[in-house]
Structures are given as C-alpha cells and as structure tokens.
C-alpha atoms as a PDB file:
ATOM      1  CA  MET A   1      90.738  84.627  64.083  1.00  0.00           C
ATOM      2  CA  ALA A   2      93.504  82.321  65.282  1.00  0.00           C
ATOM      3  CA  TYR A   3      95.536  83.730  67.935  1.00  0.00           C
ATOM      4  CA  GLU A   4      98.420  82.832  69.593  1.00  0.00           C
ATOM      5  CA  THR A   5      98.504  83.974  73.237  1.00  0.00           C
ATOM      6  CA  ILE A   6      94.436  85.031  72.834  1.00  0.00           C
ATOM      7  CA  THR A   7      91.238  84.812  71.880  1.00  0.00           C
ATOM      8  CA  ALA A   8      88.669  86.364  69.244  1.00  0.00           C
ATOM      9  CA  THR A   9      85.528  85.120  67.974  1.00  0.00           C
ATOM     10  CA  ILE A  10      81.695  87.258  66.753  1.00  0.00           C
ATOM     11  CA  ASP A  11      78.481  86.343  68.427  1.00  0.00           C
ATOM     12  CA  ASP A  12      75.136  88.157  66.857  1.00  0.00           C
ATOM     13  CA  GLY A  13      77.353  91.297  67.188  1.00  0.00           C
ATOM     14  CA  VAL A  14      78.848  90.606  70.069  1.00  0.00           C
ATOM     15  CA  GLY A  15      82.593  90.357  70.529  1.00  0.00           C
ATOM     16  CA  ARG A  16      85.063  88.548  73.342  1.00  0.00           C
ATOM     17  CA  LEU A  17      88.957  88.928  73.622  1.00  0.00           C
ATOM     18  CA  THR A  18      89.395  86.205  75.659  1.00  0.00           C
ATOM     19  CA  LEU A  19      93.199  85.727  77.621  1.00  0.00           C
ATOM     20  CA  ASP A  20      93.670  81.962  76.370  1.00  0.00           C
ATOM     21  CA  GLN A  21      97.037  81.120  79.016  1.00  0.00           C
ATOM     22  CA  PRO A  22      95.001  79.928  81.900  1.00  0.00           C
ATOM     23  CA  GLU A  23      98.061  77.875  83.170  1.00  0.00           C
ATOM     24  CA  LYS A  24     100.042  81.083  83.646  1.00  0.00           C
ATOM     25  CA  LEU A  25      97.310  83.365  85.193  1.00  0.00           C
ATOM     26  CA  ASN A  26      96.900  84.953  81.408  1.00  0.00           C
ATOM     27  CA  PRO A  27     100.488  87.516  81.832  1.00  0.00           C
ATOM     28  CA  LEU A  28     100.062  90.210  79.199  1.00  0.00           C
ATOM     29  CA  GLY A  29     103.654  89.089  77.326  1.00  0.00           C
ATOM     30  CA  THR A  30     105.005  91.775  74.417  1.00  0.00           C
ATOM     31  CA  ASN A  31     102.834  88.630  72.344  1.00  0.00           C
ATOM     32  CA  THR A  32     100.112  89.277  74.179  1.00  0.00           C
ATOM     33  CA  LEU A  33      99.904  93.093  73.556  1.00  0.00           C
ATOM     34  CA  GLN A  34     100.215  92.737  69.623  1.00  0.00           C
ATOM     35  CA  ASP A  35      97.125  90.176  69.133  1.00  0.00           C
ATOM     36  CA  ILE A  36      95.119  92.383  71.761  1.00  0.00           C
ATOM     37  CA  ILE A  37      96.235  95.797  68.694  1.00  0.00           C
ATOM     38  CA  ASP A  38      95.327  92.928  66.188  1.00  0.00           C
ATOM     39  CA  ALA A  39      92.724  91.567  67.773  1.00  0.00           C
ATOM     40  CA  THR A  40      91.148  95.007  67.799  1.00  0.00           C
ATOM     41  CA  THR A  41      91.375  96.351  63.822  1.00  0.00           C
ATOM     42  CA  TRP A  42      89.217  93.087  63.492  1.00  0.00           C
ATOM     43  CA  PHE A  43      86.862  93.749  65.509  1.00  0.00           C
ATOM     44  CA  ASN A  44      86.223  96.718  64.119  1.00  0.00           C
ATOM     45  CA  LYS A  45      86.059  95.914  60.563  1.00  0.00           C
ATOM     46  CA  GLU A  46      83.863  93.329  61.765  1.00  0.00           C
ATOM     47  CA  ASN A  47      81.664  95.479  62.302  1.00  0.00           C
ATOM     48  CA  ALA A  48      80.926  94.012  66.509  1.00  0.00           C
ATOM     49  CA  GLY A  49      78.403  96.684  68.367  1.00  0.00           C
ATOM     50  CA  VAL A  50      80.085  95.620  72.407  1.00  0.00           C
ATOM     51  CA  VAL A  51      83.502  93.583  72.847  1.00  0.00           C
ATOM     52  CA  ILE A  52      83.575  91.200  75.953  1.00  0.00           C
ATOM     53  CA  ILE A  53      87.214  91.194  77.727  1.00  0.00           C
ATOM     54  CA  SER A  54      87.699  88.608  80.079  1.00  0.00           C
ATOM     55  CA  GLY A  55      90.819  85.863  80.922  1.00  0.00           C
ATOM     56  CA  LYS A  56      90.188  82.697  81.021  1.00  0.00           C
ATOM     57  CA  GLY A  57      90.866  80.001  84.408  1.00  0.00           C
ATOM     58  CA  ARG A  58      91.502  81.973  87.504  1.00  0.00           C
ATOM     59  CA  ALA A  59      92.592  85.539  86.796  1.00  0.00           C
ATOM     60  CA  PHE A  60      91.736  88.565  84.569  1.00  0.00           C
ATOM     61  CA  THR A  61      95.898  88.838  84.184  1.00  0.00           C
ATOM     62  CA  SER A  62      98.809  88.673  86.410  1.00  0.00           C
ATOM     63  CA  GLY A  63     100.643  91.281  84.237  1.00  0.00           C
ATOM     64  CA  PHE A  64     103.406  92.920  82.390  1.00  0.00           C
ATOM     65  CA  ASP A  65     106.275  89.581  82.422  1.00  0.00           C
ATOM     66  CA  LEU A  66     108.802  92.404  84.202  1.00  0.00           C
ATOM     67  CA  ARG A  67     112.279  90.013  82.215  1.00  0.00           C
ATOM     68  CA  GLU A  68     110.121  90.430  78.242  1.00  0.00           C
ATOM     69  CA  PHE A  69     110.403  94.872  79.571  1.00  0.00           C
ATOM     70  CA  SER A  70     114.112  94.602  77.469  1.00  0.00           C
ATOM     71  CA  ASN A  71     112.854  92.466  75.081  1.00  0.00           C
ATOM     72  CA  LYS A  72     112.866  94.180  71.572  1.00  0.00           C
ATOM     73  CA  GLU A  73     109.823  91.775  68.978  1.00  0.00           C
ATOM     74  CA  THR A  74     110.127  91.796  65.484  1.00  0.00           C
ATOM     75  CA  THR A  75     109.769  95.709  64.674  1.00  0.00           C
ATOM     76  CA  GLY A  76     112.028  96.675  66.851  1.00  0.00           C
ATOM     77  CA  ARG A  77     109.126  97.896  70.151  1.00  0.00           C
ATOM     78  CA  ASP A  78     109.420  96.731  73.589  1.00  0.00           C
ATOM     79  CA  GLY A  79     106.827  96.119  76.099  1.00  0.00           C
ATOM     80  CA  ALA A  80     107.027 100.050  77.105  1.00  0.00           C
ATOM     81  CA  ALA A  81     105.975 100.577  73.652  1.00  0.00           C
ATOM     82  CA  LEU A  82     103.097  97.833  73.162  1.00  0.00           C
ATOM     83  CA  GLY A  83     101.125  98.463  76.495  1.00  0.00           C
ATOM     84  CA  ARG A  84     100.647 102.264  75.624  1.00  0.00           C
ATOM     85  CA  GLU A  85      99.887 100.736  72.145  1.00  0.00           C
ATOM     86  CA  MET A  86      97.705  98.428  73.410  1.00  0.00           C
ATOM     87  CA  ALA A  87      95.564 100.949  76.204  1.00  0.00           C
ATOM     88  CA  ASP A  88      94.928 102.978  73.337  1.00  0.00           C
ATOM     89  CA  ALA A  89      94.157 100.754  70.562  1.00  0.00           C
ATOM     90  CA  VAL A  90      91.100  99.414  72.881  1.00  0.00           C
ATOM     91  CA  ASP A  91      90.920 102.464  74.471  1.00  0.00           C
ATOM     92  CA  ARG A  92      89.887 103.964  70.453  1.00  0.00           C
ATOM     93  CA  MET A  93      88.150 100.657  69.668  1.00  0.00           C
ATOM     94  CA  LYS A  94      84.720 101.143  68.019  1.00  0.00           C
ATOM     95  CA  PRO A  95      82.030  98.773  69.999  1.00  0.00           C
ATOM     96  CA  ILE A  96      81.483  99.116  73.411  1.00  0.00           C
ATOM     97  CA  THR A  97      84.146  97.810  75.268  1.00  0.00           C
ATOM     98  CA  ILE A  98      84.156  95.939  78.968  1.00  0.00           C
ATOM     99  CA  ALA A  99      86.266  94.265  81.063  1.00  0.00           C
ATOM    100  CA  SER A 100      85.031  91.177  82.427  1.00  0.00           C
ATOM    101  CA  LEU A 101      86.904  90.738  85.488  1.00  0.00           C
ATOM    102  CA  HIS A 102      87.812  88.459  88.307  1.00  0.00           C
ATOM    103  CA  GLY A 103      90.816  86.963  90.481  1.00  0.00           C
ATOM    104  CA  HIS A 104      93.545  88.172  90.282  1.00  0.00           C
ATOM    105  CA  CYS A 105      93.895  91.654  88.004  1.00  0.00           C
ATOM    106  CA  ILE A 106      97.257  93.365  88.433  1.00  0.00           C
ATOM    107  CA  GLY A 107      99.639  95.906  86.789  1.00  0.00           C
ATOM    108  CA  GLY A 108      99.724  96.047  83.255  1.00  0.00           C
ATOM    109  CA  GLY A 109      95.716  94.006  83.442  1.00  0.00           C
ATOM    110  CA  VAL A 110      94.559  97.636  85.577  1.00  0.00           C
ATOM    111  CA  VAL A 111      95.522  99.514  82.334  1.00  0.00           C
ATOM    112  CA  LEU A 112      94.225  97.046  80.192  1.00  0.00           C
ATOM    113  CA  ALA A 113      90.469  97.524  82.536  1.00  0.00           C
ATOM    114  CA  SER A 114      90.764 100.906  82.597  1.00  0.00           C
ATOM    115  CA  ALA A 115      91.233 101.522  78.761  1.00  0.00           C
ATOM    116  CA  CYS A 116      88.126  99.877  78.503  1.00  0.00           C
ATOM    117  CA  ASP A 117      85.055 101.228  78.492  1.00  0.00           C
ATOM    118  CA  LEU A 118      82.733  99.444  81.170  1.00  0.00           C
ATOM    119  CA  ARG A 119      84.016  97.024  84.127  1.00  0.00           C
ATOM    120  CA  ILE A 120      82.596  94.449  85.335  1.00  0.00           C
ATOM    121  CA  ALA A 121      83.555  92.757  88.677  1.00  0.00           C
ATOM    122  CA  SER A 122      83.483  89.514  90.559  1.00  0.00           C
ATOM    123  CA  GLU A 123      83.495  89.596  93.844  1.00  0.00           C
ATOM    124  CA  ASN A 124      86.700  87.529  94.416  1.00  0.00           C
ATOM    125  CA  THR A 125      88.388  90.031  92.578  1.00  0.00           C
ATOM    126  CA  VAL A 126      92.064  91.409  93.248  1.00  0.00           C
ATOM    127  CA  PHE A 127      93.841  94.489  92.136  1.00  0.00           C
ATOM    128  CA  SER A 128      97.319  95.558  92.599  1.00  0.00           C
ATOM    129  CA  ILE A 129      99.639  98.224  90.973  1.00  0.00           C
ATOM    130  CA  PRO A 130     102.666  97.185  91.859  1.00  0.00           C
ATOM    131  CA  GLU A 131     104.876  98.872  89.358  1.00  0.00           C
ATOM    132  CA  VAL A 132     107.129 100.392  92.465  1.00  0.00           C
ATOM    133  CA  ASP A 133     107.493  97.794  93.452  1.00  0.00           C
ATOM    134  CA  LEU A 134     109.201  96.785  90.704  1.00  0.00           C
ATOM    135  CA  GLY A 135     111.259 100.022  90.586  1.00  0.00           C
ATOM    136  CA  ILE A 136     109.644 101.047  87.423  1.00  0.00           C
ATOM    137  CA  PRO A 137     106.418 104.033  86.821  1.00  0.00           C
ATOM    138  CA  LEU A 138     103.274 102.389  85.824  1.00  0.00           C
ATOM    139  CA  ALA A 139     103.339 103.600  82.521  1.00  0.00           C
ATOM    140  CA  TRP A 140     101.038 102.649  79.009  1.00  0.00           C
ATOM    141  CA  GLY A 141      98.290 105.681  79.855  1.00  0.00           C
ATOM    142  CA  GLY A 142      97.971 103.893  83.329  1.00  0.00           C
ATOM    143  CA  ILE A 143      98.433 107.195  85.505  1.00  0.00           C
ATOM    144  CA  PRO A 144      96.215 109.716  83.636  1.00  0.00           C
ATOM    145  CA  ARG A 145      92.971 106.696  82.793  1.00  0.00           C
ATOM    146  CA  LEU A 146      93.401 106.205  86.309  1.00  0.00           C
ATOM    147  CA  VAL A 147      92.767 110.402  87.457  1.00  0.00           C
ATOM    148  CA  ARG A 148      89.867 110.418  84.539  1.00  0.00           C
ATOM    149  CA  GLU A 149      87.854 106.820  86.788  1.00  0.00           C
ATOM    150  CA  ILE A 150      88.906 107.532  90.203  1.00  0.00           C
ATOM    151  CA  GLY A 151      90.794 111.623  90.757  1.00  0.00           C
ATOM    152  CA  PRO A 152      93.878 111.789  91.911  1.00  0.00           C
ATOM    153  CA  ALA A 153      94.588 111.714  95.044  1.00  0.00           C
ATOM    154  CA  MET A 154      93.640 107.543  95.044  1.00  0.00           C
ATOM    155  CA  THR A 155      95.244 107.234  92.635  1.00  0.00           C
ATOM    156  CA  LYS A 156      99.348 108.441  94.040  1.00  0.00           C
ATOM    157  CA  GLU A 157      97.602 106.305  96.750  1.00  0.00           C
ATOM    158  CA  LEU A 158      97.054 102.742  95.177  1.00  0.00           C
ATOM    159  CA  VAL A 159      99.777 103.434  92.801  1.00  0.00           C
ATOM    160  CA  MET A 160     103.020 104.404  95.229  1.00  0.00           C
ATOM    161  CA  THR A 161     101.428 101.589  98.031  1.00  0.00           C
ATOM    162  CA  CYS A 162     101.429  99.621  95.855  1.00  0.00           C
ATOM    163  CA  ARG A 163      98.004  98.398  98.101  1.00  0.00           C
ATOM    164  CA  PRO A 164      96.080  95.414  96.855  1.00  0.00           C
ATOM    165  CA  PHE A 165      91.990  96.837  96.928  1.00  0.00           C
ATOM    166  CA  ASP A 166      88.938  94.169  96.749  1.00  0.00           C
ATOM    167  CA  ALA A 167      86.332  94.979  93.891  1.00  0.00           C
ATOM    168  CA  LYS A 168      84.176  96.582  96.569  1.00  0.00           C
ATOM    169  CA  GLU A 169      86.874  99.053  96.629  1.00  0.00           C
ATOM    170  CA  ALA A 170      87.050  99.560  93.185  1.00  0.00           C
ATOM    171  CA  LYS A 171      83.102  99.574  93.633  1.00  0.00           C
ATOM    172  CA  SER A 172      83.692 102.684  95.681  1.00  0.00           C
ATOM    173  CA  LEU A 173      86.080 104.624  94.239  1.00  0.00           C
ATOM    174  CA  GLY A 174      84.501 104.202  91.342  1.00  0.00           C
ATOM    175  CA  PHE A 175      86.343 102.243  88.865  1.00  0.00           C
ATOM    176  CA  ILE A 176      83.848  99.648  88.366  1.00  0.00           C
ATOM    177  CA  ASN A 177      80.988  99.724  87.558  1.00  0.00           C
ATOM    178  CA  ARG A 178      78.544  96.856  88.863  1.00  0.00           C
ATOM    179  CA  VAL A 179      80.451  93.839  91.520  1.00  0.00           C
ATOM    180  CA  VAL A 180      78.636  90.260  90.876  1.00  0.00           C
ATOM    181  CA  THR A 181      79.002  87.196  92.559  1.00  0.00           C
ATOM    182  CA  HIS A 182      81.423  84.465  90.645  1.00  0.00           C
ATOM    183  CA  ALA A 183      78.273  82.439  89.778  1.00  0.00           C
ATOM    184  CA  ASP A 184      76.217  85.498  88.029  1.00  0.00           C
ATOM    185  CA  LEU A 185      80.045  87.066  86.492  1.00  0.00           C
ATOM    186  CA  GLU A 186      79.273  85.662  82.641  1.00  0.00           C
ATOM    187  CA  ASN A 187      75.313  86.562  82.676  1.00  0.00           C
ATOM    188  CA  GLN A 188      75.626  89.535  84.052  1.00  0.00           C
ATOM    189  CA  THR A 189      78.651  91.389  81.061  1.00  0.00           C
ATOM    190  CA  ARG A 190      76.026  89.206  78.596  1.00  0.00           C
ATOM    191  CA  ASN A 191      73.273  91.199  80.004  1.00  0.00           C
ATOM    192  CA  MET A 192      75.044  94.388  79.870  1.00  0.00           C
ATOM    193  CA  ALA A 193      77.197  93.913  76.278  1.00  0.00           C
ATOM    194  CA  GLU A 194      73.471  92.644  74.869  1.00  0.00           C
ATOM    195  CA  ALA A 195      71.466  95.986  76.360  1.00  0.00           C
ATOM    196  CA  ILE A 196      73.948  97.940  74.672  1.00  0.00           C
ATOM    197  CA  GLN A 197      73.343  96.076  71.555  1.00  0.00           C
ATOM    198  CA  GLN A 198      70.207  96.413  71.197  1.00  0.00           C
ATOM    199  CA  ARG A 199      70.675 100.482  71.044  1.00  0.00           C
ATOM    200  CA  SER A 200      71.277 101.730  68.027  1.00  0.00           C
ATOM    201  CA  LYS A 201      74.705 101.201  67.105  1.00  0.00           C
ATOM    202  CA  THR A 202      75.095 104.973  65.747  1.00  0.00           C
ATOM    203  CA  VAL A 203      73.566 106.330  68.935  1.00  0.00           C
ATOM    204  CA  ILE A 204      75.600 104.319  70.518  1.00  0.00           C
ATOM    205  CA  GLU A 205      78.992 105.355  68.967  1.00  0.00           C
ATOM    206  CA  THR A 206      78.483 108.876  68.900  1.00  0.00           C
ATOM    207  CA  THR A 207      77.434 108.667  72.885  1.00  0.00           C
ATOM    208  CA  LYS A 208      81.038 106.644  72.942  1.00  0.00           C
ATOM    209  CA  ASN A 209      83.064 109.610  71.357  1.00  0.00           C
ATOM    210  CA  GLN A 210      81.473 112.776  72.578  1.00  0.00           C
ATOM    211  CA  ILE A 211      82.613 110.770  75.850  1.00  0.00           C
ATOM    212  CA  HIS A 212      85.978 109.877  74.741  1.00  0.00           C
ATOM    213  CA  SER A 213      86.030 113.544  73.875  1.00  0.00           C
ATOM    214  CA  ALA A 214      85.364 115.044  77.524  1.00  0.00           C
ATOM    215  CA  SER A 215      87.377 112.810  79.148  1.00  0.00           C
ATOM    216  CA  GLU A 216      91.131 113.470  76.615  1.00  0.00           C
ATOM    217  CA  ASN A 217      89.816 117.480  77.438  1.00  0.00           C
ATOM    218  CA  LEU A 218      90.240 115.993  82.188  1.00  0.00           C
ATOM    219  CA  VAL A 219      93.261 114.470  81.017  1.00  0.00           C
ATOM    220  CA  SER A 220      94.586 113.622  78.024  1.00  0.00           C
ATOM    221  CA  THR A 221      96.991 110.464  77.109  1.00  0.00           C
ATOM    222  CA  LYS A 222      98.257 112.354  73.667  1.00  0.00           C
ATOM    223  CA  ASP A 223     101.419 113.017  75.838  1.00  0.00           C
ATOM    224  CA  GLU A 224     102.142 109.702  76.881  1.00  0.00           C
ATOM    225  CA  TRP A 225     105.062 108.078  75.126  1.00  0.00           C
ATOM    226  CA  VAL A 226     106.819 110.088  78.660  1.00  0.00           C
ATOM    227  CA  GLY A 227     107.114 107.084  79.816  1.00  0.00           C
ATOM    228  CA  GLU A 228     108.611 104.971  77.915  1.00  0.00           C
ATOM    229  CA  LEU A 229     111.279 107.246  78.591  1.00  0.00           C
ATOM    230  CA  LEU A 230     110.946 107.329  82.068  1.00  0.00           C
ATOM    231  CA  ILE A 231     110.602 103.308  82.230  1.00  0.00           C
ATOM    232  CA  ALA A 232     114.145 102.970  79.653  1.00  0.00           C
ATOM    233  CA  ALA A 233     115.394 105.272  82.861  1.00  0.00           C
ATOM    234  CA  ALA A 234     114.191 103.271  85.700  1.00  0.00           C
ATOM    235  CA  ASN A 235     116.083 100.262  84.382  1.00  0.00           C
ATOM    236  CA  LYS A 236     119.349 101.972  84.750  1.00  0.00           C
ATOM    237  CA  ASP A 237     119.216 102.628  88.131  1.00  0.00           C
ATOM    238  CA  ASN A 238     120.771 101.057  90.976  1.00  0.00           C
ATOM    239  CA  THR A 239     117.666 101.040  93.016  1.00  0.00           C
ATOM    240  CA  ALA A 240     115.364 100.899  90.968  1.00  0.00           C
ATOM    241  CA  LYS A 241     116.853  97.535  89.876  1.00  0.00           C
ATOM    242  CA  ALA A 242     117.415  96.623  93.646  1.00  0.00           C
ATOM    243  CA  ALA A 243     113.794  96.953  94.467  1.00  0.00           C
ATOM    244  CA  ALA A 244     112.910  94.854  91.096  1.00  0.00           C
ATOM    245  CA  GLN A 245     114.931  91.864  92.642  1.00  0.00           C
ATOM    246  CA  MET A 246     113.463  92.246  95.740  1.00  0.00           C
ATOM    247  CA  TYR A 247     109.834  92.197  95.153  1.00  0.00           C
ATOM    248  CA  LEU A 248     109.992  89.210  92.079  1.00  0.00           C
ATOM    249  CA  SER A 249     112.615  87.600  95.156  1.00  0.00           C
ATOM    250  CA  LYS A 250     109.297  87.709  97.969  1.00  0.00           C
ATOM    251  CA  ARG A 251     106.898  86.576  94.568  1.00  0.00           C
ATOM    252  CA  GLY A 252     109.312  83.594  94.044  1.00  0.00           C
ATOM    253  CA  LYS A 253     108.769  82.295  97.427  1.00  0.00           C
ATOM    254  CA  GLN A 254     105.636  82.357  97.822  1.00  0.00           C
END
C-alpha cells in the first residue's frame, strides 16, 4: 500500500508498518499521523494477524515536530487531535501489534510504542519524553497508557523530569517485553510475530479484547481529549513558550 511517509505491506499474514523518513529520524508530523491512521484501516481490512511497527534508518522516531502543533491539516485537525486519533487507531487494531524499537524513541514515539500490544527493543534504544521541557503536557493518551504499563510513580518521574532512559531500564519497568542485541532485533521480532500468527486467530483476537477491556477498567483513555485543551492552553502561556524555545535552542546547538 502506498503512503507518503510510511510503508505498509503484508506477507503471509504478518504486516509491516515502517516509518519511512530516515533522513529526518522518522518524525511524527501530521502527514505521518494520518498515514498511520489510514494504514490501520487497511491492515484491518486485509485481515492481517500481526503487524510489526518499526522505523527505518537510525531511529524508531524522533517524535512529533513541535512546529506543527499549531498547523491545521486539511480537515482542520492539528497534531494534538491527530496524535490521539493515531494512538487510538493503533490501540484498537484487530491484528496484534509489535513495536520493534531501536535508536531514539522520543515523545510521541513512546506513546506510539505504548499503544502497541507488545514491544521489543534493541539494546541501543534510548527513550525520552521531553514534552514538559517543550512547555506542553504529554497528550495523545500517553499518560494513561504509561500508567497502565509502568505505574503512576514512574510515569510522574519520567514525564516530569524528562530524563532519558535506556532499554534495560524500560524492561525493568515492564514497558518492554524483551531487550535484544541490535543485530538480532529483526529476527527476534519476526519470531514473535510468527509465534502469534501460528495460533488460532479467533482466540488471539479474543484474548486481546479481554486484556484491552481489563486495561480500560484499570486506567481509561476515554477522556484523553482533555489533553488537546491542555496543549492549547500551554501554547498561549508565555512561560511554556519560553521553555519550548530554550529547549529547541539547546538542541540546535548540539
């Protein structure tokens, strides 16, 4: 299937959704968010059993481009609304989703990974959630999804301090299912996908739905539209804007 910023294929029931802007470290701009949403519909329609989500090149994704938050796409939706829709679309896909992570996994990329059913990371993966440094709250359903996976206390620490954490720590927190060598990432991801694909599709889908229902009962994402309002408020706050400019200035000097 042809898209502008991603590739989407299916081989023997195993789908591949690859973020495909390697020269830019696969940013999650509005075009990419819409492409992912559209691809989830295609994978559902084509009855894929498993979908592997990965990034081409040196990184999984550098996260959302802050400059696009105030830019509306053709239907009037901005990055905050599209990001939430993207995470929900991935979360609700019929196929089992496996995030195959390497390099940088930043901000919205952490949310994308958290929306997947399973996560395998190369030992070279570095995670960070810089939204607070950017003067905006973490939205896209990121907070409830992180609370589900790693608990309230660690969600507070990682989101409030914006400190990077590696694959080993992510595994110890329960965010990652498996950490492997970079050379073995593709093989291990494919093995997991094939192991799931070999099982009864009906039973796998039922199990996914059971777990999804239990997760929603624990920490629901249904009120995450509030995140869009919080981002809009932050964009009008002079202190938040100054924080964002300082962060971007520091990155530009690196």
